[in-house]
Amino acid sequence: MEYAKRFNVPFKYHSIAKNWENVRIEDLEIDREEMLMVNSIYRMRNVVDECVMENQPRDSVLKFIRKLNPDMFVHGVLNGTYNATYFPTRFREAVFHFTTLFDMFQATAKHDDDDRRFFEQEVFVR
């Protein structure tokens, strides 16, 4: 909100405390006179994968977004089966993900770099 105010951009934020698959259009208070953007950066990993359930929540969410007909849709996806049925698969994917991040830091930042230390200790460790 402060960032929008700084550039004189009207801004309104409306939070909804529901699972994605339970949100309805009426919950969003959409003004069709304004631009609608849907931002889904790395959030779909929290929606159950289609191999786990017959009624596919991920498909429901994507169909819902399509029904909204946003002016812009940003969808970022991490490769990995974090919602797999079996724990060993989920664990292996998590290990691959974090190993890749630490390998990237090893290759691009010195070990005593303050930014690297911050990300490793304050962001990734949590």
N, C-alpha and C. Protein backbone atom coordinates (compact mmCIF):
# COMPACT_ATOMS: atom_id res chain seq x y z
N MET A 1 0.82 -1.18 0.00
CA MET A 1 0.00 0.00 0.00
C MET A 1 0.87 1.25 0.00
N GLU A 2 1.95 1.23 0.81
CA GLU A 2 2.85 2.38 0.86
C GLU A 2 3.53 2.62 -0.49
N TYR A 3 3.89 1.54 -1.16
CA TYR A 3 4.54 1.66 -2.47
C TYR A 3 3.58 2.30 -3.48
N ALA A 4 2.35 1.87 -3.49
CA ALA A 4 1.34 2.43 -4.40
C ALA A 4 1.10 3.90 -4.07
N LYS A 5 1.03 4.21 -2.78
CA LYS A 5 0.81 5.59 -2.36
C LYS A 5 1.96 6.49 -2.82
N ARG A 6 3.16 5.95 -2.75
CA ARG A 6 4.35 6.71 -3.15
C ARG A 6 4.28 7.15 -4.61
N PHE A 7 3.66 6.34 -5.46
CA PHE A 7 3.57 6.65 -6.89
C PHE A 7 2.17 7.09 -7.31
N ASN A 8 1.34 7.46 -6.32
CA ASN A 8 -0.02 7.94 -6.57
C ASN A 8 -0.86 6.96 -7.38
N VAL A 9 -0.72 5.69 -7.05
CA VAL A 9 -1.50 4.65 -7.71
C VAL A 9 -2.60 4.19 -6.75
N PRO A 10 -3.86 4.30 -7.16
CA PRO A 10 -4.92 3.81 -6.27
C PRO A 10 -4.72 2.32 -5.99
N PHE A 11 -4.89 1.94 -4.75
CA PHE A 11 -4.62 0.57 -4.36
C PHE A 11 -5.61 0.13 -3.29
N LYS A 12 -6.13 -1.07 -3.47
CA LYS A 12 -7.04 -1.65 -2.48
C LYS A 12 -6.66 -3.11 -2.33
N TYR A 13 -6.54 -3.56 -1.10
CA TYR A 13 -6.19 -4.95 -0.82
C TYR A 13 -7.33 -5.57 -0.04
N HIS A 14 -7.75 -6.73 -0.48
CA HIS A 14 -8.86 -7.43 0.17
C HIS A 14 -8.41 -8.86 0.42
N SER A 15 -8.22 -9.22 1.68
CA SER A 15 -7.76 -10.57 1.99
C SER A 15 -8.95 -11.50 2.21
N ILE A 16 -8.74 -12.77 1.91
CA ILE A 16 -9.77 -13.78 2.04
C ILE A 16 -9.15 -14.97 2.77
N ALA A 17 -9.74 -15.37 3.88
CA ALA A 17 -9.22 -16.49 4.66
C ALA A 17 -9.96 -17.77 4.30
N LYS A 18 -9.65 -18.29 3.12
CA LYS A 18 -10.25 -19.54 2.65
C LYS A 18 -9.20 -20.30 1.86
N ASN A 19 -9.40 -21.60 1.73
CA ASN A 19 -8.57 -22.37 0.80
C ASN A 19 -8.89 -21.90 -0.62
N TRP A 20 -7.92 -21.95 -1.49
CA TRP A 20 -8.10 -21.48 -2.86
C TRP A 20 -9.33 -22.10 -3.52
N GLU A 21 -9.48 -23.40 -3.33
CA GLU A 21 -10.56 -24.09 -4.03
C GLU A 21 -11.95 -23.73 -3.50
N ASN A 22 -12.01 -22.98 -2.37
CA ASN A 22 -13.30 -22.58 -1.81
C ASN A 22 -13.66 -21.12 -2.05
N VAL A 23 -12.78 -20.36 -2.68
CA VAL A 23 -13.04 -18.94 -2.95
C VAL A 23 -14.06 -18.82 -4.09
N ARG A 24 -14.99 -17.91 -3.93
CA ARG A 24 -16.01 -17.64 -4.94
C ARG A 24 -15.85 -16.22 -5.47
N ILE A 25 -16.34 -15.96 -6.66
CA ILE A 25 -16.20 -14.64 -7.28
C ILE A 25 -16.78 -13.55 -6.38
N GLU A 26 -17.89 -13.82 -5.71
CA GLU A 26 -18.52 -12.84 -4.83
C GLU A 26 -17.59 -12.43 -3.69
N ASP A 27 -16.71 -13.33 -3.27
CA ASP A 27 -15.79 -13.04 -2.17
C ASP A 27 -14.76 -11.96 -2.54
N LEU A 28 -14.54 -11.77 -3.82
CA LEU A 28 -13.44 -10.92 -4.28
C LEU A 28 -13.77 -9.45 -4.40
N GLU A 29 -15.04 -9.11 -4.42
CA GLU A 29 -15.46 -7.70 -4.55
C GLU A 29 -14.79 -7.04 -5.76
N ILE A 30 -14.92 -7.64 -6.92
CA ILE A 30 -14.27 -7.15 -8.14
C ILE A 30 -15.04 -5.98 -8.73
N ASP A 31 -14.30 -4.93 -9.09
CA ASP A 31 -14.86 -3.79 -9.80
C ASP A 31 -14.46 -3.95 -11.26
N ARG A 32 -15.40 -4.26 -12.12
CA ARG A 32 -15.11 -4.53 -13.54
C ARG A 32 -14.59 -3.31 -14.29
N GLU A 33 -14.66 -2.14 -13.68
CA GLU A 33 -14.12 -0.92 -14.30
C GLU A 33 -12.60 -0.82 -14.10
N GLU A 34 -12.07 -1.64 -13.21
CA GLU A 34 -10.64 -1.60 -12.90
C GLU A 34 -9.92 -2.81 -13.50
N MET A 35 -8.62 -2.67 -13.65
CA MET A 35 -7.80 -3.77 -14.14
C MET A 35 -7.73 -4.86 -13.08
N LEU A 36 -7.87 -6.11 -13.51
CA LEU A 36 -7.80 -7.24 -12.60
C LEU A 36 -6.56 -8.06 -12.91
N MET A 37 -5.74 -8.25 -11.88
CA MET A 37 -4.54 -9.07 -12.00
C MET A 37 -4.63 -10.22 -11.01
N VAL A 38 -4.25 -11.41 -11.46
CA VAL A 38 -4.16 -12.57 -10.58
C VAL A 38 -2.70 -12.97 -10.52
N ASN A 39 -2.15 -12.99 -9.31
CA ASN A 39 -0.75 -13.31 -9.11
C ASN A 39 -0.66 -14.64 -8.38
N SER A 40 -0.07 -15.62 -9.01
CA SER A 40 0.04 -16.95 -8.42
C SER A 40 1.49 -17.42 -8.48
N ILE A 41 2.35 -16.68 -7.82
CA ILE A 41 3.76 -17.06 -7.82
C ILE A 41 3.99 -18.11 -6.74
N TYR A 42 4.27 -19.31 -7.15
CA TYR A 42 4.62 -20.43 -6.27
C TYR A 42 3.49 -20.83 -5.31
N ARG A 43 2.25 -20.44 -5.57
CA ARG A 43 1.16 -20.77 -4.66
C ARG A 43 0.45 -22.07 -5.03
N MET A 44 0.52 -22.48 -6.27
CA MET A 44 -0.20 -23.68 -6.67
C MET A 44 0.38 -24.94 -6.04
N ARG A 45 1.58 -24.87 -5.51
CA ARG A 45 2.15 -26.05 -4.86
C ARG A 45 1.38 -26.38 -3.58
N ASN A 46 0.59 -25.44 -3.08
CA ASN A 46 -0.22 -25.68 -1.88
C ASN A 46 -1.59 -26.24 -2.20
N VAL A 47 -1.91 -26.37 -3.48
CA VAL A 47 -3.19 -26.95 -3.89
C VAL A 47 -2.92 -28.41 -4.24
N VAL A 48 -3.73 -29.30 -3.70
CA VAL A 48 -3.49 -30.74 -3.84
C VAL A 48 -3.37 -31.14 -5.31
N ASP A 49 -2.38 -31.96 -5.60
CA ASP A 49 -2.10 -32.43 -6.95
C ASP A 49 -3.20 -33.37 -7.43
N GLU A 50 -3.42 -33.39 -8.74
CA GLU A 50 -4.50 -34.21 -9.31
C GLU A 50 -4.31 -35.71 -9.12
N CYS A 51 -3.10 -36.17 -8.86
CA CYS A 51 -2.92 -37.60 -8.67
C CYS A 51 -3.36 -38.05 -7.28
N VAL A 52 -3.65 -37.12 -6.39
CA VAL A 52 -4.02 -37.45 -5.03
C VAL A 52 -5.53 -37.61 -4.88
N MET A 53 -6.30 -36.80 -5.60
CA MET A 53 -7.75 -36.81 -5.43
C MET A 53 -8.45 -36.94 -6.78
N GLU A 54 -9.65 -37.48 -6.74
CA GLU A 54 -10.44 -37.61 -7.97
C GLU A 54 -10.98 -36.26 -8.41
N ASN A 55 -11.57 -35.49 -7.48
CA ASN A 55 -12.02 -34.12 -7.78
C ASN A 55 -10.79 -33.22 -7.67
N GLN A 56 -10.30 -32.77 -8.77
CA GLN A 56 -9.00 -32.13 -8.83
C GLN A 56 -9.07 -30.65 -8.43
N PRO A 57 -8.64 -30.31 -7.20
CA PRO A 57 -8.67 -28.92 -6.74
C PRO A 57 -7.84 -27.99 -7.62
N ARG A 58 -6.72 -28.48 -8.14
CA ARG A 58 -5.87 -27.63 -8.99
C ARG A 58 -6.62 -27.21 -10.24
N ASP A 59 -7.34 -28.14 -10.86
CA ASP A 59 -8.16 -27.80 -12.02
C ASP A 59 -9.25 -26.81 -11.66
N SER A 60 -9.86 -27.00 -10.50
CA SER A 60 -10.92 -26.09 -10.05
C SER A 60 -10.39 -24.67 -9.89
N VAL A 61 -9.21 -24.54 -9.30
CA VAL A 61 -8.61 -23.21 -9.11
C VAL A 61 -8.32 -22.57 -10.46
N LEU A 62 -7.72 -23.32 -11.38
CA LEU A 62 -7.40 -22.76 -12.70
C LEU A 62 -8.66 -22.38 -13.48
N LYS A 63 -9.70 -23.18 -13.37
CA LYS A 63 -10.97 -22.84 -14.02
C LYS A 63 -11.58 -21.58 -13.41
N PHE A 64 -11.44 -21.45 -12.09
CA PHE A 64 -11.93 -20.27 -11.40
C PHE A 64 -11.21 -19.02 -11.90
N ILE A 65 -9.91 -19.10 -12.02
CA ILE A 65 -9.12 -17.96 -12.51
C ILE A 65 -9.54 -17.62 -13.94
N ARG A 66 -9.78 -18.63 -14.74
CA ARG A 66 -10.24 -18.39 -16.12
C ARG A 66 -11.59 -17.68 -16.12
N LYS A 67 -12.49 -18.09 -15.20
CA LYS A 67 -13.80 -17.45 -15.10
C LYS A 67 -13.68 -15.98 -14.71
N LEU A 68 -12.69 -15.67 -13.90
CA LEU A 68 -12.46 -14.28 -13.51
C LEU A 68 -12.10 -13.41 -14.71
N ASN A 69 -11.49 -14.04 -15.72
CA ASN A 69 -11.07 -13.33 -16.93
C ASN A 69 -10.17 -12.13 -16.59
N PRO A 70 -9.05 -12.39 -15.90
CA PRO A 70 -8.18 -11.27 -15.49
C PRO A 70 -7.50 -10.62 -16.69
N ASP A 71 -7.14 -9.35 -16.52
CA ASP A 71 -6.37 -8.65 -17.55
C ASP A 71 -4.96 -9.20 -17.61
N MET A 72 -4.48 -9.68 -16.47
CA MET A 72 -3.14 -10.27 -16.42
C MET A 72 -3.15 -11.42 -15.42
N PHE A 73 -2.48 -12.51 -15.78
CA PHE A 73 -2.34 -13.66 -14.90
C PHE A 73 -0.86 -14.04 -14.86
N VAL A 74 -0.27 -13.99 -13.68
CA VAL A 74 1.13 -14.35 -13.50
C VAL A 74 1.16 -15.66 -12.73
N HIS A 75 1.73 -16.68 -13.36
CA HIS A 75 1.76 -18.01 -12.76
C HIS A 75 3.19 -18.51 -12.73
N GLY A 76 3.75 -18.62 -11.56
CA GLY A 76 5.10 -19.13 -11.41
C GLY A 76 5.04 -20.51 -10.78
N VAL A 77 5.80 -21.44 -11.33
CA VAL A 77 5.74 -22.82 -10.86
C VAL A 77 7.16 -23.32 -10.58
N LEU A 78 7.33 -23.97 -9.44
CA LEU A 78 8.57 -24.67 -9.16
C LEU A 78 8.39 -26.11 -9.60
N ASN A 79 9.38 -26.65 -10.27
CA ASN A 79 9.30 -28.04 -10.65
C ASN A 79 9.49 -28.91 -9.42
N GLY A 80 8.58 -29.83 -9.24
CA GLY A 80 8.69 -30.73 -8.10
C GLY A 80 7.32 -31.29 -7.74
N THR A 81 7.33 -32.47 -7.19
CA THR A 81 6.08 -33.10 -6.77
C THR A 81 5.96 -32.99 -5.26
N TYR A 82 5.68 -31.77 -4.79
CA TYR A 82 5.59 -31.52 -3.35
C TYR A 82 4.31 -32.05 -2.74
N ASN A 83 3.32 -32.32 -3.58
CA ASN A 83 2.04 -32.83 -3.08
C ASN A 83 1.86 -34.31 -3.41
N ALA A 84 2.93 -35.00 -3.67
CA ALA A 84 2.83 -36.42 -4.01
C ALA A 84 2.21 -37.19 -2.85
N THR A 85 1.64 -38.30 -3.17
CA THR A 85 0.95 -39.11 -2.18
C THR A 85 1.90 -39.63 -1.10
N TYR A 86 3.09 -40.01 -1.48
CA TYR A 86 3.99 -40.68 -0.54
C TYR A 86 5.08 -39.74 -0.03
N PHE A 87 5.34 -39.83 1.28
CA PHE A 87 6.32 -38.96 1.92
C PHE A 87 7.71 -39.04 1.29
N PRO A 88 8.25 -40.24 0.99
CA PRO A 88 9.60 -40.28 0.41
C PRO A 88 9.72 -39.44 -0.87
N THR A 89 8.69 -39.42 -1.70
CA THR A 89 8.72 -38.62 -2.93
C THR A 89 8.75 -37.14 -2.59
N ARG A 90 7.91 -36.72 -1.66
CA ARG A 90 7.88 -35.31 -1.26
C ARG A 90 9.21 -34.90 -0.64
N PHE A 91 9.76 -35.76 0.21
CA PHE A 91 11.02 -35.46 0.88
C PHE A 91 12.15 -35.34 -0.14
N ARG A 92 12.21 -36.29 -1.08
CA ARG A 92 13.25 -36.26 -2.11
C ARG A 92 13.17 -34.96 -2.92
N GLU A 93 11.97 -34.55 -3.30
CA GLU A 93 11.79 -33.31 -4.07
C GLU A 93 12.24 -32.09 -3.28
N ALA A 94 11.94 -32.07 -1.98
CA ALA A 94 12.37 -30.96 -1.14
C ALA A 94 13.90 -30.91 -1.03
N VAL A 95 14.52 -32.08 -0.87
CA VAL A 95 15.98 -32.13 -0.80
C VAL A 95 16.59 -31.63 -2.12
N PHE A 96 16.04 -32.06 -3.25
CA PHE A 96 16.55 -31.59 -4.55
C PHE A 96 16.42 -30.08 -4.66
N HIS A 97 15.28 -29.55 -4.23
CA HIS A 97 15.03 -28.11 -4.33
C HIS A 97 16.05 -27.32 -3.52
N PHE A 98 16.21 -27.67 -2.25
CA PHE A 98 17.11 -26.90 -1.40
C PHE A 98 18.57 -27.15 -1.75
N THR A 99 18.92 -28.35 -2.19
CA THR A 99 20.28 -28.62 -2.64
C THR A 99 20.63 -27.71 -3.82
N THR A 100 19.69 -27.54 -4.72
CA THR A 100 19.91 -26.66 -5.87
C THR A 100 20.16 -25.23 -5.42
N LEU A 101 19.37 -24.75 -4.46
CA LEU A 101 19.56 -23.37 -3.98
C LEU A 101 20.94 -23.19 -3.36
N PHE A 102 21.35 -24.13 -2.51
CA PHE A 102 22.66 -24.01 -1.88
C PHE A 102 23.79 -24.18 -2.88
N ASP A 103 23.62 -25.04 -3.89
CA ASP A 103 24.62 -25.19 -4.95
C ASP A 103 24.76 -23.88 -5.72
N MET A 104 23.63 -23.21 -5.95
CA MET A 104 23.65 -21.93 -6.67
C MET A 104 24.45 -20.91 -5.87
N PHE A 105 24.23 -20.84 -4.57
CA PHE A 105 25.00 -19.91 -3.74
C PHE A 105 26.48 -20.27 -3.74
N GLN A 106 26.78 -21.56 -3.68
CA GLN A 106 28.18 -22.00 -3.67
C GLN A 106 28.89 -21.55 -4.94
N ALA A 107 28.18 -21.58 -6.06
CA ALA A 107 28.80 -21.24 -7.35
C ALA A 107 28.85 -19.73 -7.60
N THR A 108 27.99 -18.96 -6.94
CA THR A 108 27.90 -17.54 -7.32
C THR A 108 28.27 -16.56 -6.22
N ALA A 109 28.38 -16.99 -4.98
CA ALA A 109 28.68 -16.06 -3.89
C ALA A 109 29.76 -16.63 -2.98
N LYS A 110 30.61 -15.74 -2.50
CA LYS A 110 31.66 -16.16 -1.58
C LYS A 110 31.03 -16.63 -0.28
N HIS A 111 31.72 -17.55 0.38
CA HIS A 111 31.19 -18.15 1.61
C HIS A 111 30.91 -17.12 2.70
N ASP A 112 31.71 -16.06 2.77
CA ASP A 112 31.55 -15.06 3.82
C ASP A 112 30.71 -13.85 3.38
N ASP A 113 30.04 -13.94 2.25
CA ASP A 113 29.20 -12.85 1.75
C ASP A 113 28.00 -12.64 2.69
N ASP A 114 27.75 -11.39 3.09
CA ASP A 114 26.68 -11.09 4.03
C ASP A 114 25.30 -11.44 3.48
N ASP A 115 25.06 -11.18 2.18
CA ASP A 115 23.77 -11.50 1.58
C ASP A 115 23.55 -13.01 1.55
N ARG A 116 24.59 -13.73 1.20
CA ARG A 116 24.48 -15.19 1.18
C ARG A 116 24.16 -15.71 2.59
N ARG A 117 24.89 -15.20 3.58
CA ARG A 117 24.68 -15.63 4.95
C ARG A 117 23.24 -15.33 5.40
N PHE A 118 22.73 -14.15 5.03
CA PHE A 118 21.36 -13.80 5.38
C PHE A 118 20.36 -14.81 4.80
N PHE A 119 20.48 -15.07 3.50
CA PHE A 119 19.54 -16.00 2.87
C PHE A 119 19.65 -17.41 3.45
N GLU A 120 20.86 -17.86 3.65
CA GLU A 120 21.03 -19.22 4.18
C GLU A 120 20.49 -19.34 5.61
N GLN A 121 20.75 -18.34 6.44
CA GLN A 121 20.40 -18.46 7.86
C GLN A 121 19.01 -17.95 8.18
N GLU A 122 18.54 -16.92 7.48
CA GLU A 122 17.26 -16.31 7.86
C GLU A 122 16.10 -16.69 6.93
N VAL A 123 16.39 -17.07 5.71
CA VAL A 123 15.31 -17.39 4.77
C VAL A 123 15.18 -18.89 4.60
N PHE A 124 16.24 -19.55 4.14
CA PHE A 124 16.14 -20.98 3.81
C PHE A 124 16.07 -21.88 5.03
N VAL A 125 16.78 -21.54 6.09
CA VAL A 125 16.78 -22.38 7.28
C VAL A 125 15.38 -22.48 7.87
N ARG A 126 14.66 -21.38 7.87
CA ARG A 126 13.30 -21.40 8.43
C ARG A 126 12.42 -22.33 7.64
